[in-house]
C-alpha atoms as a PDB file:
ATOM      1  CA  UNK A   1     253.306 118.461  93.382  1.00  0.00           C
ATOM      2  CA  UNK A   2     253.663 115.543  95.376  1.00  0.00           C
ATOM      3  CA  UNK A   3     251.103 113.028  95.783  1.00  0.00           C
ATOM      4  CA  UNK A   4     250.871 113.386  99.771  1.00  0.00           C
ATOM      5  CA  UNK A   5     250.873 117.378  99.127  1.00  0.00           C
ATOM      6  CA  UNK A   6     247.886 116.860  97.028  1.00  0.00           C
ATOM      7  CA  UNK A   7     246.190 114.661  99.685  1.00  0.00           C
ATOM      8  CA  UNK A   8     247.061 117.195 102.193  1.00  0.00           C
ATOM      9  CA  UNK A   9     245.656 119.925 100.663  1.00  0.00           C
ATOM     10  CA  UNK A  10     242.606 117.624 100.144  1.00  0.00           C
ATOM     11  CA  UNK A  11     242.307 117.359 103.434  1.00  0.00           C
ATOM     12  CA  UNK A  12     242.735 120.889 104.591  1.00  0.00           C
ATOM     13  CA  UNK A  13     239.633 121.511 101.760  1.00  0.00           C
ATOM     14  CA  UNK A  14     237.387 119.140 103.602  1.00  0.00           C
ATOM     15  CA  UNK A  15     238.288 120.216 107.044  1.00  0.00           C
ATOM     16  CA  UNK A  16     236.604 123.860 105.855  1.00  0.00           C
ATOM     17  CA  UNK A  17     233.141 121.979 106.345  1.00  0.00           C
ATOM     18  CA  UNK A  18     231.346 121.452 109.075  1.00  0.00           C
ATOM     19  CA  UNK A  19     228.776 118.785 108.184  1.00  0.00           C
ATOM     20  CA  UNK A  20     228.693 115.978 105.212  1.00  0.00           C
ATOM     21  CA  UNK A  21     225.952 117.573 103.348  1.00  0.00           C
ATOM     22  CA  UNK A  22     228.643 120.473 102.631  1.00  0.00           C
ATOM     23  CA  UNK A  23     231.357 117.956 101.607  1.00  0.00           C
ATOM     24  CA  UNK A  24     228.672 116.248  99.432  1.00  0.00           C
ATOM     25  CA  UNK A  25     228.213 119.891  97.545  1.00  0.00           C
ATOM     26  CA  UNK A  26     232.051 120.398  97.756  1.00  0.00           C
ATOM     27  CA  UNK A  27     232.181 117.054  95.737  1.00  0.00           C
ATOM     28  CA  UNK A  28     229.230 117.884  93.443  1.00  0.00           C
ATOM     29  CA  UNK A  29     231.271 121.333  92.581  1.00  0.00           C
ATOM     30  CA  UNK A  30     234.711 119.358  92.133  1.00  0.00           C
ATOM     31  CA  UNK A  31     232.855 117.149  89.420  1.00  0.00           C
ATOM     32  CA  UNK A  32     232.660 120.375  87.575  1.00  0.00           C
ATOM     33  CA  UNK A  33     236.319 120.760  87.122  1.00  0.00           C
ATOM     34  CA  UNK A  34     237.110 117.004  85.850  1.00  0.00           C
ATOM     35  CA  UNK A  35     239.498 116.509  83.431  1.00  0.00           C
ATOM     36  CA  UNK A  36     237.050 114.762  80.620  1.00  0.00           C
ATOM     37  CA  UNK A  37     237.563 111.871  78.815  1.00  0.00           C
ATOM     38  CA  UNK A  38     237.559 112.656  74.967  1.00  0.00           C
ATOM     39  CA  UNK A  39     233.975 111.194  73.725  1.00  0.00           C
ATOM     40  CA  UNK A  40     236.344 108.871  71.567  1.00  0.00           C
ATOM     41  CA  UNK A  41     237.603 107.311  74.612  1.00  0.00           C
ATOM     42  CA  UNK A  42     234.361 107.118  76.275  1.00  0.00           C
ATOM     43  CA  UNK A  43     233.987 103.551  75.550  1.00  0.00           C
ATOM     44  CA  UNK A  44     233.857  99.988  77.260  1.00  0.00           C
ATOM     45  CA  UNK A  45     237.350  99.375  77.297  1.00  0.00           C
ATOM     46  CA  UNK A  46     237.787 102.617  79.548  1.00  0.00           C
ATOM     47  CA  UNK A  47     235.077 101.869  81.835  1.00  0.00           C
ATOM     48  CA  UNK A  48     235.866 100.637  85.166  1.00  0.00           C
ATOM     49  CA  UNK A  49     234.281  97.625  86.276  1.00  0.00           C
ATOM     50  CA  UNK A  50     233.234  97.241  89.818  1.00  0.00           C
ATOM     51  CA  UNK A  51     231.412 100.673  90.486  1.00  0.00           C
ATOM     52  CA  UNK A  52     228.033 100.661  90.688  1.00  0.00           C
ATOM     53  CA  UNK A  53     227.660 103.807  88.419  1.00  0.00           C
ATOM     54  CA  UNK A  54     229.231 104.309  85.083  1.00  0.00           C
ATOM     55  CA  UNK A  55     232.384 105.440  85.335  1.00  0.00           C
ATOM     56  CA  UNK A  56     235.323 106.012  82.589  1.00  0.00           C
ATOM     57  CA  UNK A  57     239.151 106.394  83.122  1.00  0.00           C
ATOM     58  CA  UNK A  58     241.362 107.063  80.478  1.00  0.00           C
ATOM     59  CA  UNK A  59     245.226 107.173  80.970  1.00  0.00           C
ATOM     60  CA  UNK A  60     248.262 108.601  78.700  1.00  0.00           C
ATOM     61  CA  UNK A  61     251.506 108.304  79.013  1.00  0.00           C
ATOM     62  CA  UNK A  62     254.035 111.456  78.033  1.00  0.00           C
ATOM     63  CA  UNK A  63     257.198 112.917  79.144  1.00  0.00           C
ATOM     64  CA  UNK A  64     257.718 110.002  81.971  1.00  0.00           C
ATOM     65  CA  UNK A  65     254.401 111.049  83.573  1.00  0.00           C
ATOM     66  CA  UNK A  66     250.717 109.375  83.319  1.00  0.00           C
ATOM     67  CA  UNK A  67     247.849 111.883  82.590  1.00  0.00           C
ATOM     68  CA  UNK A  68     244.349 111.106  83.577  1.00  0.00           C
ATOM     69  CA  UNK A  69     240.785 111.852  82.092  1.00  0.00           C
ATOM     70  CA  UNK A  70     237.549 110.593  83.168  1.00  0.00           C
ATOM     71  CA  UNK A  71     233.844 110.923  83.781  1.00  0.00           C
ATOM     72  CA  UNK A  72     230.859 109.392  85.492  1.00  0.00           C
ATOM     73  CA  UNK A  73     226.971 109.299  84.853  1.00  0.00           C
ATOM     74  CA  UNK A  74     226.642 109.731  88.540  1.00  0.00           C
ATOM     75  CA  UNK A  75     227.827 113.322  89.989  1.00  0.00           C
ATOM     76  CA  UNK A  76     228.893 112.171  93.223  1.00  0.00           C
ATOM     77  CA  UNK A  77     231.364 109.525  91.663  1.00  0.00           C
ATOM     78  CA  UNK A  78     232.094 112.096  89.274  1.00  0.00           C
ATOM     79  CA  UNK A  79     233.159 114.472  92.108  1.00  0.00           C
ATOM     80  CA  UNK A  80     235.384 111.373  93.348  1.00  0.00           C
ATOM     81  CA  UNK A  81     236.939 110.445  90.498  1.00  0.00           C
ATOM     82  CA  UNK A  82     237.980 113.955  90.032  1.00  0.00           C
ATOM     83  CA  UNK A  83     239.634 113.871  93.231  1.00  0.00           C
ATOM     84  CA  UNK A  84     241.548 111.167  92.747  1.00  0.00           C
ATOM     85  CA  UNK A  85     242.281 112.508  89.007  1.00  0.00           C
ATOM     86  CA  UNK A  86     243.820 115.660  90.762  1.00  0.00           C
ATOM     87  CA  UNK A  87     246.186 113.335  92.893  1.00  0.00           C
ATOM     88  CA  UNK A  88     247.169 111.155  90.344  1.00  0.00           C
ATOM     89  CA  UNK A  89     247.666 113.324  87.288  1.00  0.00           C
ATOM     90  CA  UNK A  90     251.315 113.861  86.020  1.00  0.00           C
ATOM     91  CA  UNK A  91     252.509 111.488  88.544  1.00  0.00           C
ATOM     92  CA  UNK A  92     255.026 108.614  87.831  1.00  0.00           C
ATOM     93  CA  UNK A  93     254.341 105.247  87.431  1.00  0.00           C
ATOM     94  CA  UNK A  94     256.443 104.681  90.531  1.00  0.00           C
ATOM     95  CA  UNK A  95     254.925 107.100  92.490  1.00  0.00           C
ATOM     96  CA  UNK A  96     251.577 105.799  91.801  1.00  0.00           C
ATOM     97  CA  UNK A  97     252.513 102.170  92.606  1.00  0.00           C
ATOM     98  CA  UNK A  98     254.236 103.579  95.801  1.00  0.00           C
ATOM     99  CA  UNK A  99     251.623 106.031  96.942  1.00  0.00           C
ATOM    100  CA  UNK A 100     249.518 105.441 100.149  1.00  0.00           C
ATOM    101  CA  UNK A 101     246.215 106.405  99.904  1.00  0.00           C
ATOM    102  CA  UNK A 102     245.145 108.415 103.072  1.00  0.00           C
ATOM    103  CA  UNK A 103     243.002 111.190 102.292  1.00  0.00           C
ATOM    104  CA  UNK A 104     239.750 109.000 102.042  1.00  0.00           C
ATOM    105  CA  UNK A 105     240.070 108.008 105.505  1.00  0.00           C
ATOM    106  CA  UNK A 106     241.214 111.446 106.712  1.00  0.00           C
ATOM    107  CA  UNK A 107     238.380 113.345 105.248  1.00  0.00           C
ATOM    108  CA  UNK A 108     236.014 110.519 106.537  1.00  0.00           C
ATOM    109  CA  UNK A 109     234.944 109.563 102.926  1.00  0.00           C
ATOM    110  CA  UNK A 110     235.202 105.970 103.832  1.00  0.00           C
ATOM    111  CA  UNK A 111     232.285 106.225 106.265  1.00  0.00           C
ATOM    112  CA  UNK A 112     229.876 107.965 104.275  1.00  0.00           C
ATOM    113  CA  UNK A 113     229.865 105.802 101.250  1.00  0.00           C
ATOM    114  CA  UNK A 114     227.466 102.971 100.762  1.00  0.00           C
ATOM    115  CA  UNK A 115     228.996  99.612 100.324  1.00  0.00           C
ATOM    116  CA  UNK A 116     228.623  99.542  96.706  1.00  0.00           C
ATOM    117  CA  UNK A 117     230.176 103.435  96.180  1.00  0.00           C
ATOM    118  CA  UNK A 118     233.269 102.228  98.677  1.00  0.00           C
ATOM    119  CA  UNK A 119     234.064  99.337  96.454  1.00  0.00           C
ATOM    120  CA  UNK A 120     233.816 101.675  93.683  1.00  0.00           C
ATOM    121  CA  UNK A 121     236.394 103.709  95.095  1.00  0.00           C
ATOM    122  CA  UNK A 122     238.599 100.794  95.421  1.00  0.00           C
ATOM    123  CA  UNK A 123     238.022  99.694  91.706  1.00  0.00           C
ATOM    124  CA  UNK A 124     238.824 103.215  90.597  1.00  0.00           C
ATOM    125  CA  UNK A 125     242.162 103.695  92.702  1.00  0.00           C
ATOM    126  CA  UNK A 126     243.037  99.886  91.555  1.00  0.00           C
ATOM    127  CA  UNK A 127     242.272 100.769  87.804  1.00  0.00           C
ATOM    128  CA  UNK A 128     244.865 104.019  88.221  1.00  0.00           C
ATOM    129  CA  UNK A 129     247.342 101.768  89.502  1.00  0.00           C
ATOM    130  CA  UNK A 130     246.698  98.987  87.184  1.00  0.00           C
ATOM    131  CA  UNK A 131     247.222 102.079  84.706  1.00  0.00           C
ATOM    132  CA  UNK A 132     250.924 102.851  86.144  1.00  0.00           C
ATOM    133  CA  UNK A 133     251.884  99.158  86.335  1.00  0.00           C
ATOM    134  CA  UNK A 134     251.098  98.474  83.000  1.00  0.00           C
ATOM    135  CA  UNK A 135     253.004 102.109  81.557  1.00  0.00           C
ATOM    136  CA  UNK A 136     255.998 100.911  83.692  1.00  0.00           C
ATOM    137  CA  UNK A 137     256.139  97.605  82.156  1.00  0.00           C
ATOM    138  CA  UNK A 138     255.480  99.060  78.688  1.00  0.00           C
ATOM    139  CA  UNK A 139     258.559 101.572  78.897  1.00  0.00           C
ATOM    140  CA  UNK A 140     261.000  98.820  80.463  1.00  0.00           C
END
């Protein structure tokens, strides 16, 4: 599925909820569906810098696609990284690098995160794009 189609599905899912407490609860539910990083990869090398909570992200390149796994020690943040993994998993490096991430504003997440969590979200997206760029340059 294309990145924009996945973002549109996320927007539709969040539109089902009337208030932000329900949306936070949905993020908590999403945290249970995360593709968990292997324990051997849950180390400082895969720790995302700039996040208030601890967030680990690992990427593998197989069959011209990137595959992500992650984890966090904070439940809401774990739901957020789970969302990002669902968007970028099984995508090409070019598709990731050329993507515009619009679901955050459309669901209002940017307005309901603390400054520290917003910075962490930016750091997560940045790290995903860094992985895409690194793997793209590696395969040239």
